[in-house]
Amino acid sequence: MVGISWANIPDVYLPLIIYGLRTFDLTVATLRMLLVVRGRKKLAWVFGFIQSASFILGIVGVLGNLQNPLNLIAYAAGFATGNVIGITIEAKLAPGQSLLRIISSRMGALLTESLRSFGHGVTEVPGHGMGGTVSLIYCYVPRREVNSTKVEILTLDPEAFVTVQNVRQMRGGWWA
């Protein structure tokens, strides 16, 4: 039988169990949402199933024991903690690719060559900004490398304008 017999659990442990269930629920929910955004259907289904089961167990623990305000506090604290843990895990995993859009008014060619020397796919397009001619550089990098790549870009051109976009799908190009 799946479930928890809440009546058999001492009141002192109940908030801890509720906190643990809610923390787990929200951690899984955060990761599930990222899987949904990336189009990973099967894993999103599995994570959704696990998340909903832990949510139901946690909410039953709170609603079945409303006489103890610590249960409600534990539920809310688990919610907050689960968000932070989920985001932290996702940042460590950092799956996928990101697109860096770089606008440089002076160092376009140097940035392009430097990024290519690190093995990144780079396309440079001439453009015209308010101050004159600029280089618009598109650079695809693994998400794990976004911060180090931005540091490299800003070291070479402190005035570069850089935006980052997560990429859901890539096909073709220089690495195909």
Protein backbone atom coordinates (compact mmCIF):
# COMPACT_ATOMS: atom_id res chain seq x y z
CA MET A 1 0.00 0.00 0.00
CA VAL A 2 1.35 3.41 -1.01
CA GLY A 3 0.96 6.26 1.40
CA ILE A 4 1.73 7.35 4.90
CA SER A 5 -0.31 6.52 7.97
CA TRP A 6 -0.11 10.01 9.47
CA ALA A 7 -1.78 8.86 12.72
CA ASN A 8 1.20 6.61 13.53
CA ILE A 9 3.77 9.39 13.17
CA PRO A 10 4.71 11.31 16.34
CA ASP A 11 3.74 14.98 16.14
CA VAL A 12 7.34 16.07 16.56
CA TYR A 13 8.39 14.32 13.30
CA LEU A 14 5.40 15.35 11.21
CA PRO A 15 6.69 18.84 10.23
CA LEU A 16 10.04 17.31 9.21
CA ILE A 17 8.35 14.75 6.97
CA ILE A 18 6.10 17.41 5.43
CA TYR A 19 9.12 19.67 4.89
CA GLY A 20 11.03 16.83 3.21
CA LEU A 21 8.13 15.88 0.95
CA ARG A 22 7.50 19.47 -0.13
CA THR A 23 11.20 20.16 -0.70
CA PHE A 24 11.46 17.03 -2.84
CA ASP A 25 8.22 17.90 -4.67
CA LEU A 26 9.39 21.39 -5.62
CA THR A 27 12.89 20.26 -6.54
CA VAL A 28 11.41 17.71 -8.93
CA ALA A 29 8.86 20.27 -10.19
CA THR A 30 11.60 22.75 -11.08
CA LEU A 31 13.57 20.12 -12.96
CA ARG A 32 10.38 18.85 -14.66
CA MET A 33 9.54 22.32 -15.92
CA LEU A 34 13.00 22.65 -17.44
CA LEU A 35 12.52 19.30 -19.16
CA VAL A 36 9.19 20.50 -20.55
CA VAL A 37 10.79 23.68 -21.90
CA ARG A 38 13.48 21.59 -23.59
CA GLY A 39 10.90 19.24 -25.10
CA ARG A 40 12.03 16.12 -23.19
CA LYS A 41 8.57 14.46 -23.08
CA LYS A 42 9.36 11.07 -21.55
CA LEU A 43 11.52 12.40 -18.73
CA ALA A 44 9.02 15.19 -18.09
CA TRP A 45 6.28 12.55 -17.71
CA VAL A 46 8.35 10.55 -15.20
CA PHE A 47 9.26 13.65 -13.21
CA GLY A 48 5.62 14.82 -13.31
CA PHE A 49 4.42 11.48 -11.94
CA ILE A 50 6.95 11.54 -9.10
CA GLN A 51 6.24 15.19 -8.36
CA SER A 52 2.47 14.75 -8.17
CA ALA A 53 2.77 11.73 -5.87
CA SER A 54 5.04 13.58 -3.43
CA PHE A 55 2.79 16.66 -3.60
CA ILE A 56 -0.28 14.62 -2.69
CA LEU A 57 1.51 12.95 0.23
CA GLY A 58 2.71 16.31 1.56
CA ILE A 59 -0.61 18.13 1.21
CA VAL A 60 -2.48 15.26 2.88
CA GLY A 61 -0.05 15.55 5.79
CA VAL A 62 -0.79 19.25 6.16
CA LEU A 63 -4.56 19.09 5.64
CA GLY A 64 -4.95 16.05 7.87
CA ASN A 65 -3.10 17.75 10.73
CA LEU A 66 -4.10 21.41 10.68
CA GLN A 67 -4.06 21.64 14.47
CA ASN A 68 -0.26 21.99 14.41
CA PRO A 69 0.82 25.29 12.80
CA LEU A 70 4.36 23.91 12.40
CA ASN A 71 3.01 21.63 9.67
CA LEU A 72 1.94 24.64 7.60
CA ILE A 73 5.27 26.39 8.23
CA ALA A 74 7.14 23.23 7.23
CA TYR A 75 5.09 23.01 4.02
CA ALA A 76 5.85 26.64 3.11
CA ALA A 77 9.54 26.27 4.00
CA GLY A 78 9.75 23.10 1.89
CA PHE A 79 8.23 25.00 -1.03
CA ALA A 80 10.87 27.73 -0.80
CA THR A 81 13.75 25.29 -0.26
CA GLY A 82 12.66 23.06 -3.14
CA ASN A 83 12.77 25.98 -5.56
CA VAL A 84 16.32 26.86 -4.54
CA ILE A 85 17.55 23.25 -4.68
CA GLY A 86 15.90 22.68 -8.07
CA ILE A 87 17.51 25.78 -9.55
CA THR A 88 20.89 24.83 -8.05
CA ILE A 89 20.76 21.30 -9.49
CA GLU A 90 19.70 22.60 -12.90
CA ALA A 91 22.55 25.14 -12.92
CA LYS A 92 25.06 22.37 -12.14
CA LEU A 93 23.70 20.15 -14.90
CA ALA A 94 23.38 23.06 -17.36
CA PRO A 95 22.32 20.92 -20.32
CA GLY A 96 22.00 22.25 -23.82
CA GLN A 97 23.33 25.12 -25.85
CA SER A 98 23.10 28.88 -25.58
CA LEU A 99 23.30 31.56 -28.22
CA LEU A 100 25.40 34.58 -27.37
CA ARG A 101 24.65 37.69 -29.40
CA ILE A 102 27.59 40.06 -29.22
CA ILE A 103 27.67 43.57 -30.63
CA SER A 104 31.13 45.10 -30.84
CA SER A 105 31.97 48.45 -32.38
CA ARG A 106 35.75 47.91 -32.47
CA MET A 107 36.83 44.32 -31.79
CA GLY A 108 34.56 42.18 -33.96
CA ALA A 109 37.29 40.37 -35.89
CA LEU A 110 39.37 39.74 -32.75
CA LEU A 111 36.34 38.40 -30.85
CA THR A 112 35.37 36.16 -33.76
CA GLU A 113 38.84 34.62 -34.04
CA SER A 114 39.18 34.21 -30.28
CA LEU A 115 35.80 32.46 -29.97
CA ARG A 116 36.64 30.17 -32.88
CA SER A 117 39.97 29.28 -31.25
CA PHE A 118 37.95 27.94 -28.29
CA GLY A 119 36.02 25.70 -30.70
CA HIS A 120 32.77 27.67 -30.71
CA GLY A 121 30.57 28.13 -33.75
CA VAL A 122 30.73 31.81 -34.69
CA THR A 123 29.07 33.91 -37.38
CA GLU A 124 30.00 37.57 -37.80
CA VAL A 125 27.62 39.94 -39.55
CA PRO A 126 28.36 43.59 -40.30
CA GLY A 127 25.80 46.03 -38.98
CA HIS A 128 25.16 49.68 -38.39
CA GLY A 129 24.50 51.02 -34.89
CA MET A 130 23.92 54.53 -33.63
CA GLY A 131 27.68 55.14 -33.47
CA GLY A 132 28.47 53.68 -36.89
CA THR A 133 29.60 50.28 -38.15
CA VAL A 134 29.46 47.35 -35.69
CA SER A 135 30.01 43.63 -35.77
CA LEU A 136 27.05 41.48 -34.78
CA ILE A 137 28.44 38.13 -33.68
CA TYR A 138 26.37 34.99 -33.14
CA CYS A 139 28.15 32.39 -31.04
CA TYR A 140 26.80 29.02 -29.90
CA VAL A 141 28.31 27.64 -26.71
CA PRO A 142 27.40 24.86 -24.27
CA ARG A 143 25.44 26.36 -21.36
CA ARG A 144 28.19 25.29 -18.95
CA GLU A 145 30.59 27.58 -20.78
CA VAL A 146 28.42 30.72 -21.00
CA ASN A 147 29.96 32.53 -18.02
CA SER A 148 33.57 31.77 -18.96
CA THR A 149 32.87 32.80 -22.56
CA LYS A 150 31.33 36.09 -21.44
CA VAL A 151 34.42 36.77 -19.32
CA GLU A 152 36.63 36.13 -22.37
CA ILE A 153 34.48 38.44 -24.53
CA LEU A 154 34.49 41.28 -22.00
CA THR A 155 38.23 40.89 -21.42
CA LEU A 156 38.86 41.49 -25.13
CA ASP A 157 36.16 44.16 -25.51
CA PRO A 158 34.86 45.67 -22.25
CA GLU A 159 32.33 47.71 -24.24
CA ALA A 160 30.77 44.71 -26.02
CA PHE A 161 27.03 44.29 -25.69
CA VAL A 162 26.21 40.63 -24.94
CA THR A 163 22.87 38.86 -24.68
CA VAL A 164 22.31 35.16 -23.94
CA GLN A 165 19.46 32.99 -25.14
CA ASN A 166 18.90 29.32 -24.34
CA VAL A 167 18.57 27.24 -27.49
CA ARG A 168 16.00 24.47 -27.58
CA GLN A 169 17.13 22.83 -30.79
CA MET A 170 20.08 23.12 -33.18
CA ARG A 171 20.51 21.50 -36.57
CA GLY A 172 23.17 21.82 -39.22
CA GLY A 173 25.91 24.42 -39.11
CA TRP A 174 29.65 24.10 -38.76
CA TRP A 175 29.57 21.18 -36.31
CA ALA A 176 27.06 19.00 -38.17
